[in-house]
Amino acid sequence: MEQLRTYLAQNGISQSAFAAMIGVNESTVSRYVQGPVKPSWATALRIERATGGAVPLLSLIHIS
């Protein structure tokens, strides 16, 4: 998820700090940033809110 990786880097937010902000553990955020793991709808919404909309929910979830 390039948008999330970019947001964290541009805002100087560590994965552990962001994990605390959205209520997950650091390894979960790492999997979102590094690989094909997608967050649940609820977590994607928390990410969207925590980033002020910079990382939109629809960019995070898989729609089939």
N, C-alpha and C. Protein backbone atom coordinates (compact mmCIF):
# COMPACT_ATOMS: atom_id res chain seq x y z
N MET A 1 0.84 -1.18 0.00
CA MET A 1 0.00 0.00 0.00
C MET A 1 0.88 1.24 0.00
N GLU A 2 1.19 1.64 -1.19
CA GLU A 2 2.12 2.75 -1.36
C GLU A 2 1.63 4.03 -0.70
N GLN A 3 0.34 4.31 -0.76
CA GLN A 3 -0.16 5.55 -0.17
C GLN A 3 0.10 5.59 1.33
N LEU A 4 -0.09 4.47 2.01
CA LEU A 4 0.14 4.43 3.45
C LEU A 4 1.63 4.58 3.74
N ARG A 5 2.46 3.87 3.01
CA ARG A 5 3.92 3.98 3.20
C ARG A 5 4.36 5.44 2.99
N THR A 6 3.89 6.06 1.94
CA THR A 6 4.25 7.44 1.63
C THR A 6 3.75 8.39 2.71
N TYR A 7 2.52 8.21 3.16
CA TYR A 7 1.96 9.07 4.20
C TYR A 7 2.82 9.01 5.46
N LEU A 8 3.15 7.80 5.89
CA LEU A 8 3.94 7.65 7.11
C LEU A 8 5.31 8.31 6.95
N ALA A 9 5.96 8.10 5.81
CA ALA A 9 7.28 8.68 5.57
C ALA A 9 7.23 10.20 5.52
N GLN A 10 6.27 10.74 4.79
CA GLN A 10 6.17 12.19 4.64
C GLN A 10 5.84 12.90 5.94
N ASN A 11 5.17 12.20 6.83
CA ASN A 11 4.75 12.82 8.09
C ASN A 11 5.61 12.40 9.27
N GLY A 12 6.66 11.63 9.01
CA GLY A 12 7.58 11.22 10.05
C GLY A 12 6.92 10.38 11.14
N ILE A 13 5.98 9.55 10.74
CA ILE A 13 5.26 8.71 11.70
C ILE A 13 5.80 7.29 11.59
N SER A 14 6.22 6.74 12.71
CA SER A 14 6.72 5.36 12.71
C SER A 14 5.55 4.39 12.60
N GLN A 15 5.85 3.21 12.15
CA GLN A 15 4.81 2.19 12.06
C GLN A 15 4.26 1.86 13.44
N SER A 16 5.11 1.86 14.45
CA SER A 16 4.62 1.55 15.80
C SER A 16 3.70 2.65 16.33
N ALA A 17 4.04 3.90 16.06
CA ALA A 17 3.19 5.01 16.50
C ALA A 17 1.85 4.97 15.76
N PHE A 18 1.90 4.69 14.47
CA PHE A 18 0.67 4.63 13.70
C PHE A 18 -0.19 3.46 14.15
N ALA A 19 0.44 2.34 14.44
CA ALA A 19 -0.29 1.18 14.94
C ALA A 19 -1.06 1.54 16.20
N ALA A 20 -0.42 2.26 17.11
CA ALA A 20 -1.10 2.68 18.34
C ALA A 20 -2.27 3.61 18.03
N MET A 21 -2.11 4.46 17.02
CA MET A 21 -3.17 5.39 16.65
C MET A 21 -4.42 4.67 16.14
N ILE A 22 -4.22 3.56 15.44
CA ILE A 22 -5.37 2.88 14.83
C ILE A 22 -5.78 1.61 15.58
N GLY A 23 -5.08 1.29 16.67
CA GLY A 23 -5.49 0.18 17.51
C GLY A 23 -5.11 -1.20 17.01
N VAL A 24 -3.96 -1.31 16.35
CA VAL A 24 -3.45 -2.61 15.93
C VAL A 24 -1.99 -2.70 16.38
N ASN A 25 -1.37 -3.86 16.19
CA ASN A 25 0.04 -3.95 16.58
C ASN A 25 0.93 -3.56 15.40
N GLU A 26 2.19 -3.30 15.73
CA GLU A 26 3.13 -2.80 14.72
C GLU A 26 3.31 -3.79 13.57
N SER A 27 3.31 -5.08 13.85
CA SER A 27 3.50 -6.05 12.78
C SER A 27 2.34 -6.02 11.78
N THR A 28 1.16 -5.67 12.27
CA THR A 28 0.01 -5.56 11.36
C THR A 28 0.21 -4.41 10.39
N VAL A 29 0.63 -3.26 10.89
CA VAL A 29 0.90 -2.12 10.01
C VAL A 29 2.02 -2.47 9.04
N SER A 30 3.04 -3.15 9.51
CA SER A 30 4.13 -3.56 8.63
C SER A 30 3.61 -4.43 7.50
N ARG A 31 2.72 -5.35 7.79
CA ARG A 31 2.15 -6.21 6.74
C ARG A 31 1.32 -5.40 5.75
N TYR A 32 0.62 -4.38 6.24
CA TYR A 32 -0.15 -3.52 5.33
C TYR A 32 0.79 -2.77 4.39
N VAL A 33 1.87 -2.26 4.94
CA VAL A 33 2.81 -1.45 4.16
C VAL A 33 3.64 -2.32 3.21
N GLN A 34 4.09 -3.47 3.66
CA GLN A 34 5.02 -4.30 2.90
C GLN A 34 4.39 -5.24 1.90
N GLY A 35 3.24 -5.78 2.25
CA GLY A 35 2.78 -6.88 1.43
C GLY A 35 1.33 -6.79 1.00
N PRO A 36 0.86 -7.94 0.58
CA PRO A 36 -0.48 -8.01 0.01
C PRO A 36 -1.61 -8.04 1.05
N VAL A 37 -1.27 -7.97 2.33
CA VAL A 37 -2.30 -8.02 3.37
C VAL A 37 -3.11 -6.73 3.34
N LYS A 38 -4.41 -6.88 3.31
CA LYS A 38 -5.32 -5.73 3.30
C LYS A 38 -6.05 -5.64 4.63
N PRO A 39 -6.31 -4.46 5.13
CA PRO A 39 -7.04 -4.31 6.38
C PRO A 39 -8.53 -4.61 6.20
N SER A 40 -9.16 -4.89 7.31
CA SER A 40 -10.62 -5.03 7.30
C SER A 40 -11.23 -3.66 6.99
N TRP A 41 -12.52 -3.67 6.69
CA TRP A 41 -13.22 -2.39 6.45
C TRP A 41 -13.08 -1.47 7.66
N ALA A 42 -13.27 -2.03 8.85
CA ALA A 42 -13.20 -1.20 10.07
C ALA A 42 -11.82 -0.59 10.25
N THR A 43 -10.78 -1.38 10.03
CA THR A 43 -9.42 -0.87 10.17
C THR A 43 -9.11 0.14 9.07
N ALA A 44 -9.56 -0.15 7.86
CA ALA A 44 -9.35 0.79 6.75
C ALA A 44 -10.00 2.14 7.06
N LEU A 45 -11.16 2.11 7.68
CA LEU A 45 -11.83 3.35 8.05
C LEU A 45 -11.02 4.09 9.12
N ARG A 46 -10.46 3.35 10.08
CA ARG A 46 -9.63 3.99 11.11
C ARG A 46 -8.38 4.60 10.48
N ILE A 47 -7.81 3.92 9.48
CA ILE A 47 -6.63 4.46 8.78
C ILE A 47 -7.02 5.75 8.05
N GLU A 48 -8.14 5.72 7.34
CA GLU A 48 -8.59 6.92 6.63
C GLU A 48 -8.76 8.08 7.60
N ARG A 49 -9.39 7.83 8.72
CA ARG A 49 -9.62 8.89 9.71
C ARG A 49 -8.32 9.37 10.33
N ALA A 50 -7.42 8.44 10.66
CA ALA A 50 -6.15 8.81 11.29
C ALA A 50 -5.27 9.64 10.36
N THR A 51 -5.44 9.44 9.06
CA THR A 51 -4.63 10.18 8.09
C THR A 51 -5.36 11.42 7.56
N GLY A 52 -6.50 11.72 8.12
CA GLY A 52 -7.26 12.88 7.67
C GLY A 52 -7.72 12.74 6.23
N GLY A 53 -7.91 11.49 5.79
CA GLY A 53 -8.37 11.25 4.42
C GLY A 53 -7.25 11.15 3.39
N ALA A 54 -6.01 11.35 3.82
CA ALA A 54 -4.88 11.26 2.88
C ALA A 54 -4.71 9.85 2.33
N VAL A 55 -5.11 8.86 3.12
CA VAL A 55 -5.09 7.47 2.66
C VAL A 55 -6.54 6.99 2.71
N PRO A 56 -7.25 7.10 1.58
CA PRO A 56 -8.68 6.79 1.57
C PRO A 56 -8.98 5.31 1.73
N LEU A 57 -10.09 5.03 2.37
CA LEU A 57 -10.55 3.67 2.62
C LEU A 57 -10.53 2.84 1.34
N LEU A 58 -11.02 3.36 0.26
CA LEU A 58 -11.11 2.58 -0.97
C LEU A 58 -9.75 2.22 -1.56
N SER A 59 -8.70 2.91 -1.16
CA SER A 59 -7.37 2.54 -1.64
C SER A 59 -6.78 1.40 -0.82
N LEU A 60 -7.43 1.07 0.28
CA LEU A 60 -6.90 0.07 1.22
C LEU A 60 -7.55 -1.30 1.11
N ILE A 61 -8.76 -1.35 0.64
CA ILE A 61 -9.50 -2.61 0.67
C ILE A 61 -9.52 -3.26 -0.70
N HIS A 62 -9.79 -4.54 -0.68
CA HIS A 62 -9.90 -5.29 -1.93
C HIS A 62 -11.38 -5.46 -2.24
N ILE A 63 -11.79 -4.98 -3.37
CA ILE A 63 -13.19 -5.12 -3.79
C ILE A 63 -13.22 -6.14 -4.91
N SER A 64 -14.00 -7.20 -4.68
CA SER A 64 -14.10 -8.20 -5.75
C SER A 64 -15.47 -8.25 -6.33
